[in-house]
Amino acid sequence: EMKALTDVLLKHPHVWIMSDDMYEHLVYDDFKF
């Protein structure tokens, strides 16, 4: 799902990404952050 978004962003070099990862360690059911 993230790769689908980053593929779009690669086409628009003027757009910056702010990634708010504050809840990184709070994932469940074997989800991979």
PDB file of all heavy atoms in Angstrom:
ATOM      1  N   GLU A   1       0.830  -1.210   0.000  1.00  0.00           N
ATOM      2  CA  GLU A   1       0.000   0.000   0.000  1.00  0.00           C
ATOM      3  C   GLU A   1       0.860   1.254   0.000  1.00  0.00           C
ATOM      4  O   GLU A   1       0.558   2.233  -0.702  1.00  0.00           O
ATOM      5  CB  GLU A   1      -0.935  -0.015   1.213  1.00  0.00           C
ATOM      6  CG  GLU A   1      -2.034  -1.069   1.124  1.00  0.00           C
ATOM      7  CD  GLU A   1      -2.777  -1.278   2.417  1.00  0.00           C
ATOM      8  OE1 GLU A   1      -2.204  -1.004   3.499  1.00  0.00           O
ATOM      9  OE2 GLU A   1      -3.939  -1.741   2.357  1.00  0.00           O
ATOM     10  N   MET A   2       1.937   1.229   0.775  1.00  0.00           N
ATOM     11  CA  MET A   2       2.844   2.373   0.805  1.00  0.00           C
ATOM     12  C   MET A   2       3.556   2.528  -0.534  1.00  0.00           C
ATOM     13  O   MET A   2       3.747   3.647  -1.024  1.00  0.00           O
ATOM     14  CB  MET A   2       3.857   2.203   1.930  1.00  0.00           C
ATOM     15  CG  MET A   2       4.707   3.437   2.194  1.00  0.00           C
ATOM     16  SD  MET A   2       3.775   4.812   2.921  1.00  0.00           S
ATOM     17  CE  MET A   2       3.630   4.258   4.626  1.00  0.00           C
ATOM     18  N   LYS A   3       3.945   1.407  -1.151  1.00  0.00           N
ATOM     19  CA  LYS A   3       4.650   1.461  -2.433  1.00  0.00           C
ATOM     20  C   LYS A   3       3.768   2.079  -3.513  1.00  0.00           C
ATOM     21  O   LYS A   3       4.263   2.832  -4.380  1.00  0.00           O
ATOM     22  CB  LYS A   3       5.063   0.050  -2.859  1.00  0.00           C
ATOM     23  CG  LYS A   3       5.922  -0.012  -4.125  1.00  0.00           C
ATOM     24  CD  LYS A   3       7.265   0.663  -3.916  1.00  0.00           C
ATOM     25  CE  LYS A   3       8.265   0.345  -5.037  1.00  0.00           C
ATOM     26  NZ  LYS A   3       7.832   0.824  -6.353  1.00  0.00           N
ATOM     27  N   ALA A   4       2.479   1.807  -3.473  1.00  0.00           N
ATOM     28  CA  ALA A   4       1.568   2.402  -4.446  1.00  0.00           C
ATOM     29  C   ALA A   4       1.578   3.928  -4.326  1.00  0.00           C
ATOM     30  O   ALA A   4       1.517   4.647  -5.347  1.00  0.00           O
ATOM     31  CB  ALA A   4       0.154   1.862  -4.250  1.00  0.00           C
ATOM     32  N   LEU A   5       1.679   4.435  -3.111  1.00  0.00           N
ATOM     33  CA  LEU A   5       1.726   5.883  -2.905  1.00  0.00           C
ATOM     34  C   LEU A   5       3.078   6.458  -3.304  1.00  0.00           C
ATOM     35  O   LEU A   5       3.145   7.523  -3.940  1.00  0.00           O
ATOM     36  CB  LEU A   5       1.427   6.210  -1.438  1.00  0.00           C
ATOM     37  CG  LEU A   5       0.049   5.793  -0.915  1.00  0.00           C
ATOM     38  CD1 LEU A   5      -0.085   6.148   0.555  1.00  0.00           C
ATOM     39  CD2 LEU A   5      -1.070   6.435  -1.726  1.00  0.00           C
ATOM     40  N   THR A   6       4.152   5.776  -2.947  1.00  0.00           N
ATOM     41  CA  THR A   6       5.473   6.300  -3.293  1.00  0.00           C
ATOM     42  C   THR A   6       5.694   6.287  -4.806  1.00  0.00           C
ATOM     43  O   THR A   6       6.399   7.151  -5.339  1.00  0.00           O
ATOM     44  CB  THR A   6       6.590   5.527  -2.576  1.00  0.00           C
ATOM     45  OG1 THR A   6       6.544   4.144  -2.940  1.00  0.00           O
ATOM     46  CG2 THR A   6       6.463   5.665  -1.063  1.00  0.00           C
ATOM     47  N   ASP A   7       5.079   5.348  -5.500  1.00  0.00           N
ATOM     48  CA  ASP A   7       5.172   5.337  -6.962  1.00  0.00           C
ATOM     49  C   ASP A   7       4.567   6.611  -7.554  1.00  0.00           C
ATOM     50  O   ASP A   7       5.091   7.177  -8.530  1.00  0.00           O
ATOM     51  CB  ASP A   7       4.456   4.116  -7.540  1.00  0.00           C
ATOM     52  CG  ASP A   7       5.245   2.818  -7.377  1.00  0.00           C
ATOM     53  OD1 ASP A   7       6.437   2.895  -7.000  1.00  0.00           O
ATOM     54  OD2 ASP A   7       4.671   1.739  -7.610  1.00  0.00           O
ATOM     55  N   VAL A   8       3.467   7.069  -6.980  1.00  0.00           N
ATOM     56  CA  VAL A   8       2.865   8.327  -7.425  1.00  0.00           C
ATOM     57  C   VAL A   8       3.800   9.494  -7.110  1.00  0.00           C
ATOM     58  O   VAL A   8       4.037  10.372  -7.958  1.00  0.00           O
ATOM     59  CB  VAL A   8       1.496   8.542  -6.742  1.00  0.00           C
ATOM     60  CG1 VAL A   8       0.955   9.944  -7.047  1.00  0.00           C
ATOM     61  CG2 VAL A   8       0.501   7.480  -7.187  1.00  0.00           C
ATOM     62  N   LEU A   9       4.347   9.509  -5.919  1.00  0.00           N
ATOM     63  CA  LEU A   9       5.193  10.624  -5.498  1.00  0.00           C
ATOM     64  C   LEU A   9       6.466  10.744  -6.332  1.00  0.00           C
ATOM     65  O   LEU A   9       6.979  11.849  -6.530  1.00  0.00           O
ATOM     66  CB  LEU A   9       5.538  10.467  -4.014  1.00  0.00           C
ATOM     67  CG  LEU A   9       4.331  10.607  -3.072  1.00  0.00           C
ATOM     68  CD1 LEU A   9       4.657  10.062  -1.693  1.00  0.00           C
ATOM     69  CD2 LEU A   9       3.890  12.069  -2.978  1.00  0.00           C
ATOM     70  N   LEU A  10       6.962   9.629  -6.827  1.00  0.00           N
ATOM     71  CA  LEU A  10       8.149   9.678  -7.688  1.00  0.00           C
ATOM     72  C   LEU A  10       7.906  10.512  -8.940  1.00  0.00           C
ATOM     73  O   LEU A  10       8.844  11.093  -9.502  1.00  0.00           O
ATOM     74  CB  LEU A  10       8.566   8.257  -8.083  1.00  0.00           C
ATOM     75  CG  LEU A  10       9.275   7.420  -7.028  1.00  0.00           C
ATOM     76  CD1 LEU A  10       9.482   6.003  -7.531  1.00  0.00           C
ATOM     77  CD2 LEU A  10      10.609   8.047  -6.623  1.00  0.00           C
ATOM     78  N   LYS A  11       6.655  10.598  -9.363  1.00  0.00           N
ATOM     79  CA  LYS A  11       6.324  11.348 -10.578  1.00  0.00           C
ATOM     80  C   LYS A  11       6.188  12.845 -10.323  1.00  0.00           C
ATOM     81  O   LYS A  11       6.018  13.616 -11.273  1.00  0.00           O
ATOM     82  CB  LYS A  11       5.020  10.803 -11.177  1.00  0.00           C
ATOM     83  CG  LYS A  11       5.102   9.348 -11.631  1.00  0.00           C
ATOM     84  CD  LYS A  11       3.845   8.916 -12.361  1.00  0.00           C
ATOM     85  CE  LYS A  11       2.663   8.761 -11.437  1.00  0.00           C
ATOM     86  NZ  LYS A  11       1.456   8.258 -12.147  1.00  0.00           N
ATOM     87  N   HIS A  12       6.252  13.261  -9.071  1.00  0.00           N
ATOM     88  CA  HIS A  12       6.018  14.666  -8.715  1.00  0.00           C
ATOM     89  C   HIS A  12       7.139  15.154  -7.803  1.00  0.00           C
ATOM     90  O   HIS A  12       6.976  15.236  -6.579  1.00  0.00           O
ATOM     91  CB  HIS A  12       4.657  14.809  -8.034  1.00  0.00           C
ATOM     92  CG  HIS A  12       3.510  14.360  -8.878  1.00  0.00           C
ATOM     93  ND1 HIS A  12       2.934  15.150  -9.854  1.00  0.00           N
ATOM     94  CD2 HIS A  12       2.847  13.169  -8.929  1.00  0.00           C
ATOM     95  CE1 HIS A  12       1.965  14.484 -10.448  1.00  0.00           C
ATOM     96  NE2 HIS A  12       1.886  13.284  -9.904  1.00  0.00           N
ATOM     97  N   PRO A  13       8.283  15.497  -8.371  1.00  0.00           N
ATOM     98  CA  PRO A  13       9.471  15.806  -7.557  1.00  0.00           C
ATOM     99  C   PRO A  13       9.362  17.065  -6.704  1.00  0.00           C
ATOM    100  O   PRO A  13      10.228  17.295  -5.850  1.00  0.00           O
ATOM    101  CB  PRO A  13      10.582  15.943  -8.607  1.00  0.00           C
ATOM    102  CG  PRO A  13       9.886  16.209  -9.897  1.00  0.00           C
ATOM    103  CD  PRO A  13       8.582  15.507  -9.823  1.00  0.00           C
ATOM    104  N   HIS A  14       8.311  17.871  -6.899  1.00  0.00           N
ATOM    105  CA  HIS A  14       8.155  19.075  -6.071  1.00  0.00           C
ATOM    106  C   HIS A  14       7.421  18.789  -4.766  1.00  0.00           C
ATOM    107  O   HIS A  14       7.321  19.684  -3.910  1.00  0.00           O
ATOM    108  CB  HIS A  14       7.407  20.159  -6.854  1.00  0.00           C
ATOM    109  CG  HIS A  14       5.977  19.824  -7.155  1.00  0.00           C
ATOM    110  ND1 HIS A  14       5.606  18.808  -8.023  1.00  0.00           N
ATOM    111  CD2 HIS A  14       4.807  20.360  -6.696  1.00  0.00           C
ATOM    112  CE1 HIS A  14       4.283  18.759  -8.104  1.00  0.00           C
ATOM    113  NE2 HIS A  14       3.775  19.681  -7.300  1.00  0.00           N
ATOM    114  N   VAL A  15       6.910  17.581  -4.591  1.00  0.00           N
ATOM    115  CA  VAL A  15       6.118  17.251  -3.398  1.00  0.00           C
ATOM    116  C   VAL A  15       7.012  16.595  -2.348  1.00  0.00           C
ATOM    117  O   VAL A  15       7.698  15.606  -2.633  1.00  0.00           O
ATOM    118  CB  VAL A  15       4.946  16.312  -3.752  1.00  0.00           C
ATOM    119  CG1 VAL A  15       4.140  15.969  -2.491  1.00  0.00           C
ATOM    120  CG2 VAL A  15       4.054  16.949  -4.806  1.00  0.00           C
ATOM    121  N   TRP A  16       6.985  17.155  -1.146  1.00  0.00           N
ATOM    122  CA  TRP A  16       7.710  16.587  -0.013  1.00  0.00           C
ATOM    123  C   TRP A  16       6.770  15.710   0.803  1.00  0.00           C
ATOM    124  O   TRP A  16       5.554  15.913   0.798  1.00  0.00           O
ATOM    125  CB  TRP A  16       8.276  17.698   0.874  1.00  0.00           C
ATOM    126  CG  TRP A  16       9.549  18.279   0.335  1.00  0.00           C
ATOM    127  CD1 TRP A  16       9.733  18.953  -0.836  1.00  0.00           C
ATOM    128  CD2 TRP A  16      10.824  18.208   0.975  1.00  0.00           C
ATOM    129  NE1 TRP A  16      11.035  19.315  -0.973  1.00  0.00           N
ATOM    130  CE2 TRP A  16      11.742  18.880   0.115  1.00  0.00           C
ATOM    131  CE3 TRP A  16      11.294  17.664   2.160  1.00  0.00           C
ATOM    132  CZ2 TRP A  16      13.096  19.006   0.421  1.00  0.00           C
ATOM    133  CZ3 TRP A  16      12.635  17.804   2.484  1.00  0.00           C
ATOM    134  CH2 TRP A  16      13.519  18.461   1.602  1.00  0.00           C
ATOM    135  N   ILE A  17       7.342  14.765   1.524  1.00  0.00           N
ATOM    136  CA  ILE A  17       6.568  13.832   2.340  1.00  0.00           C
ATOM    137  C   ILE A  17       6.910  14.040   3.797  1.00  0.00           C
ATOM    138  O   ILE A  17       8.092  13.999   4.183  1.00  0.00           O
ATOM    139  CB  ILE A  17       6.848  12.365   1.940  1.00  0.00           C
ATOM    140  CG1 ILE A  17       6.589  12.138   0.453  1.00  0.00           C
ATOM    141  CG2 ILE A  17       6.000  11.414   2.796  1.00  0.00           C
ATOM    142  CD1 ILE A  17       7.834  12.266  -0.414  1.00  0.00           C
ATOM    143  N   MET A  18       5.891  14.285   4.592  1.00  0.00           N
ATOM    144  CA  MET A  18       6.054  14.283   6.046  1.00  0.00           C
ATOM    145  C   MET A  18       5.457  12.982   6.557  1.00  0.00           C
ATOM    146  O   MET A  18       4.244  12.779   6.501  1.00  0.00           O
ATOM    147  CB  MET A  18       5.378  15.470   6.710  1.00  0.00           C
ATOM    148  CG  MET A  18       5.479  15.444   8.231  1.00  0.00           C
ATOM    149  SD  MET A  18       4.745  16.875   9.014  1.00  0.00           S
ATOM    150  CE  MET A  18       5.967  18.126   8.616  1.00  0.00           C
ATOM    151  N   SER A  19       6.316  12.095   7.041  1.00  0.00           N
ATOM    152  CA  SER A  19       5.858  10.798   7.524  1.00  0.00           C
ATOM    153  C   SER A  19       5.818  10.832   9.044  1.00  0.00           C
ATOM    154  O   SER A  19       6.857  10.889   9.710  1.00  0.00           O
ATOM    155  CB  SER A  19       6.799   9.695   7.037  1.00  0.00           C
ATOM    156  OG  SER A  19       6.327   8.431   7.445  1.00  0.00           O
ATOM    157  N   ASP A  20       4.614  10.819   9.592  1.00  0.00           N
ATOM    158  CA  ASP A  20       4.421  10.839  11.042  1.00  0.00           C
ATOM    159  C   ASP A  20       4.312   9.395  11.519  1.00  0.00           C
ATOM    160  O   ASP A  20       3.270   8.760  11.380  1.00  0.00           O
ATOM    161  CB  ASP A  20       3.156  11.628  11.382  1.00  0.00           C
ATOM    162  CG  ASP A  20       2.912  11.744  12.884  1.00  0.00           C
ATOM    163  OD1 ASP A  20       3.579  11.026  13.660  1.00  0.00           O
ATOM    164  OD2 ASP A  20       2.047  12.543  13.282  1.00  0.00           O
ATOM    165  N   ASP A  21       5.417   8.910  12.095  1.00  0.00           N
ATOM    166  CA  ASP A  21       5.524   7.498  12.497  1.00  0.00           C
ATOM    167  C   ASP A  21       5.371   7.304  14.001  1.00  0.00           C
ATOM    168  O   ASP A  21       5.874   6.328  14.562  1.00  0.00           O
ATOM    169  CB  ASP A  21       6.889   6.941  12.059  1.00  0.00           C
ATOM    170  CG  ASP A  21       7.113   6.999  10.564  1.00  0.00           C
ATOM    171  OD1 ASP A  21       6.174   7.314   9.824  1.00  0.00           O
ATOM    172  OD2 ASP A  21       8.251   6.723  10.126  1.00  0.00           O
ATOM    173  N   MET A  22       4.676   8.216  14.665  1.00  0.00           N
ATOM    174  CA  MET A  22       4.651   8.228  16.125  1.00  0.00           C
ATOM    175  C   MET A  22       4.137   6.918  16.734  1.00  0.00           C
ATOM    176  O   MET A  22       4.528   6.548  17.839  1.00  0.00           O
ATOM    177  CB  MET A  22       3.788   9.398  16.600  1.00  0.00           C
ATOM    178  CG  MET A  22       3.898   9.693  18.080  1.00  0.00           C
ATOM    179  SD  MET A  22       5.539  10.210  18.629  1.00  0.00           S
ATOM    180  CE  MET A  22       5.627  11.885  17.981  1.00  0.00           C
ATOM    181  N   TYR A  23       3.282   6.200  16.026  1.00  0.00           N
ATOM    182  CA  TYR A  23       2.703   4.958  16.562  1.00  0.00           C
ATOM    183  C   TYR A  23       3.363   3.715  15.969  1.00  0.00           C
ATOM    184  O   TYR A  23       2.777   2.626  15.983  1.00  0.00           O
ATOM    185  CB  TYR A  23       1.193   4.940  16.303  1.00  0.00           C
ATOM    186  CG  TYR A  23       0.456   6.055  17.004  1.00  0.00           C
ATOM    187  CD1 TYR A  23       0.259   7.282  16.385  1.00  0.00           C
ATOM    188  CD2 TYR A  23      -0.016   5.899  18.310  1.00  0.00           C
ATOM    189  CE1 TYR A  23      -0.389   8.321  17.030  1.00  0.00           C
ATOM    190  CE2 TYR A  23      -0.668   6.926  18.960  1.00  0.00           C
ATOM    191  CZ  TYR A  23      -0.854   8.145  18.318  1.00  0.00           C
ATOM    192  OH  TYR A  23      -1.494   9.177  18.965  1.00  0.00           O
ATOM    193  N   GLU A  24       4.563   3.867  15.476  1.00  0.00           N
ATOM    194  CA  GLU A  24       5.290   2.792  14.782  1.00  0.00           C
ATOM    195  C   GLU A  24       5.270   1.462  15.520  1.00  0.00           C
ATOM    196  O   GLU A  24       5.056   0.401  14.914  1.00  0.00           O
ATOM    197  CB  GLU A  24       6.744   3.227  14.572  1.00  0.00           C
ATOM    198  CG  GLU A  24       7.674   2.139  14.085  1.00  0.00           C
ATOM    199  CD  GLU A  24       9.118   2.590  13.968  1.00  0.00           C
ATOM    200  OE1 GLU A  24       9.428   3.741  14.361  1.00  0.00           O
ATOM    201  OE2 GLU A  24       9.943   1.783  13.492  1.00  0.00           O
ATOM    202  N   HIS A  25       5.501   1.478  16.820  1.00  0.00           N
ATOM    203  CA  HIS A  25       5.657   0.233  17.575  1.00  0.00           C
ATOM    204  C   HIS A  25       4.336  -0.351  18.062  1.00  0.00           C
ATOM    205  O   HIS A  25       4.336  -1.429  18.664  1.00  0.00           O
ATOM    206  CB  HIS A  25       6.588   0.460  18.771  1.00  0.00           C
ATOM    207  CG  HIS A  25       8.002   0.749  18.372  1.00  0.00           C
ATOM    208  ND1 HIS A  25       8.801  -0.171  17.753  1.00  0.00           N
ATOM    209  CD2 HIS A  25       8.754   1.871  18.504  1.00  0.00           C
ATOM    210  CE1 HIS A  25       9.992   0.351  17.522  1.00  0.00           C
ATOM    211  NE2 HIS A  25       9.985   1.600  17.961  1.00  0.00           N
ATOM    212  N   LEU A  26       3.238   0.335  17.784  1.00  0.00           N
ATOM    213  CA  LEU A  26       1.944  -0.144  18.252  1.00  0.00           C
ATOM    214  C   LEU A  26       1.153  -0.682  17.062  1.00  0.00           C
ATOM    215  O   LEU A  26       0.224  -0.041  16.547  1.00  0.00           O
ATOM    216  CB  LEU A  26       1.187   0.976  18.966  1.00  0.00           C
ATOM    217  CG  LEU A  26       1.916   1.559  20.185  1.00  0.00           C
ATOM    218  CD1 LEU A  26       1.113   2.691  20.805  1.00  0.00           C
ATOM    219  CD2 LEU A  26       2.222   0.480  21.217  1.00  0.00           C
ATOM    220  N   VAL A  27       1.564  -1.865  16.586  1.00  0.00           N
ATOM    221  CA  VAL A  27       0.866  -2.565  15.505  1.00  0.00           C
ATOM    222  C   VAL A  27       0.594  -3.991  15.955  1.00  0.00           C
ATOM    223  O   VAL A  27       1.326  -4.544  16.784  1.00  0.00           O
ATOM    224  CB  VAL A  27       1.672  -2.550  14.193  1.00  0.00           C
ATOM    225  CG1 VAL A  27       1.753  -1.139  13.626  1.00  0.00           C
ATOM    226  CG2 VAL A  27       3.067  -3.119  14.389  1.00  0.00           C
ATOM    227  N   TYR A  28      -0.453  -4.596  15.389  1.00  0.00           N
ATOM    228  CA  TYR A  28      -0.961  -5.858  15.918  1.00  0.00           C
ATOM    229  C   TYR A  28      -1.172  -6.888  14.807  1.00  0.00           C
ATOM    230  O   TYR A  28      -1.144  -6.576  13.627  1.00  0.00           O
ATOM    231  CB  TYR A  28      -2.276  -5.594  16.663  1.00  0.00           C
ATOM    232  CG  TYR A  28      -2.204  -4.358  17.541  1.00  0.00           C
ATOM    233  CD1 TYR A  28      -2.984  -3.233  17.288  1.00  0.00           C
ATOM    234  CD2 TYR A  28      -1.288  -4.301  18.596  1.00  0.00           C
ATOM    235  CE1 TYR A  28      -2.886  -2.092  18.071  1.00  0.00           C
ATOM    236  CE2 TYR A  28      -1.186  -3.159  19.390  1.00  0.00           C
ATOM    237  CZ  TYR A  28      -1.985  -2.056  19.120  1.00  0.00           C
ATOM    238  OH  TYR A  28      -1.852  -0.920  19.888  1.00  0.00           O
ATOM    239  N   ASP A  29      -1.390  -8.108  15.246  1.00  0.00           N
ATOM    240  CA  ASP A  29      -1.724  -9.215  14.329  1.00  0.00           C
ATOM    241  C   ASP A  29      -0.641  -9.437  13.276  1.00  0.00           C
ATOM    242  O   ASP A  29      -0.918  -9.641  12.104  1.00  0.00           O
ATOM    243  CB  ASP A  29      -3.070  -8.946  13.632  1.00  0.00           C
ATOM    244  CG  ASP A  29      -4.204  -8.703  14.617  1.00  0.00           C
ATOM    245  OD1 ASP A  29      -4.242  -9.405  15.643  1.00  0.00           O
ATOM    246  OD2 ASP A  29      -5.032  -7.805  14.368  1.00  0.00           O
ATOM    247  N   ASP A  30       0.614  -9.348  13.710  1.00  0.00           N
ATOM    248  CA  ASP A  30       1.765  -9.593  12.830  1.00  0.00           C
ATOM    249  C   ASP A  30       1.891  -8.572  11.702  1.00  0.00           C
ATOM    250  O   ASP A  30       2.578  -8.820  10.700  1.00  0.00           O
ATOM    251  CB  ASP A  30       1.712 -11.007  12.231  1.00  0.00           C
ATOM    252  CG  ASP A  30       1.773 -12.093  13.296  1.00  0.00           C
ATOM    253  OD1 ASP A  30       2.536 -11.915  14.262  1.00  0.00           O
ATOM    254  OD2 ASP A  30       1.054 -13.088  13.165  1.00  0.00           O
ATOM    255  N   PHE A  31       1.256  -7.425  11.852  1.00  0.00           N
ATOM    256  CA  PHE A  31       1.408  -6.364  10.860  1.00  0.00           C
ATOM    257  C   PHE A  31       2.850  -5.854  10.878  1.00  0.00           C
ATOM    258  O   PHE A  31       3.446  -5.687  11.940  1.00  0.00           O
ATOM    259  CB  PHE A  31       0.455  -5.205  11.164  1.00  0.00           C
ATOM    260  CG  PHE A  31       0.461  -4.122  10.125  1.00  0.00           C
ATOM    261  CD1 PHE A  31      -0.402  -4.182   9.043  1.00  0.00           C
ATOM    262  CD2 PHE A  31       1.336  -3.054  10.219  1.00  0.00           C
ATOM    263  CE1 PHE A  31      -0.386  -3.195   8.070  1.00  0.00           C
ATOM    264  CE2 PHE A  31       1.360  -2.067   9.256  1.00  0.00           C
ATOM    265  CZ  PHE A  31       0.497  -2.138   8.174  1.00  0.00           C
ATOM    266  N   LYS A  32       3.417  -5.603   9.696  1.00  0.00           N
ATOM    267  CA  LYS A  32       4.790  -5.120   9.572  1.00  0.00           C
ATOM    268  C   LYS A  32       4.781  -3.632   9.226  1.00  0.00           C
ATOM    269  O   LYS A  32       4.308  -3.235   8.164  1.00  0.00           O
ATOM    270  CB  LYS A  32       5.544  -5.901   8.496  1.00  0.00           C
ATOM    271  CG  LYS A  32       5.593  -7.410   8.736  1.00  0.00           C
ATOM    272  CD  LYS A  32       6.328  -7.761  10.016  1.00  0.00           C
ATOM    273  CE  LYS A  32       6.432  -9.271  10.200  1.00  0.00           C
ATOM    274  NZ  LYS A  32       7.052  -9.628  11.502  1.00  0.00           N
ATOM    275  N   PHE A  33       5.337  -2.830  10.115  1.00  0.00           N
ATOM    276  CA  PHE A  33       5.406  -1.391   9.891  1.00  0.00           C
ATOM    277  C   PHE A  33       6.427  -1.058   8.813  1.00  0.00           C
ATOM    278  O   PHE A  33       7.467  -1.706   8.701  1.00  0.00           O
ATOM    279  CB  PHE A  33       5.789  -0.677  11.196  1.00  0.00           C
ATOM    280  CG  PHE A  33       6.067   0.786  11.016  1.00  0.00           C
ATOM    281  CD1 PHE A  33       5.032   1.706  11.007  1.00  0.00           C
ATOM    282  CD2 PHE A  33       7.370   1.240  10.826  1.00  0.00           C
ATOM    283  CE1 PHE A  33       5.287   3.056  10.822  1.00  0.00           C
ATOM    284  CE2 PHE A  33       7.632   2.590  10.642  1.00  0.00           C
ATOM    285  CZ  PHE A  33       6.585   3.499  10.636  1.00  0.00           C
TER     286      PHE A  33
END
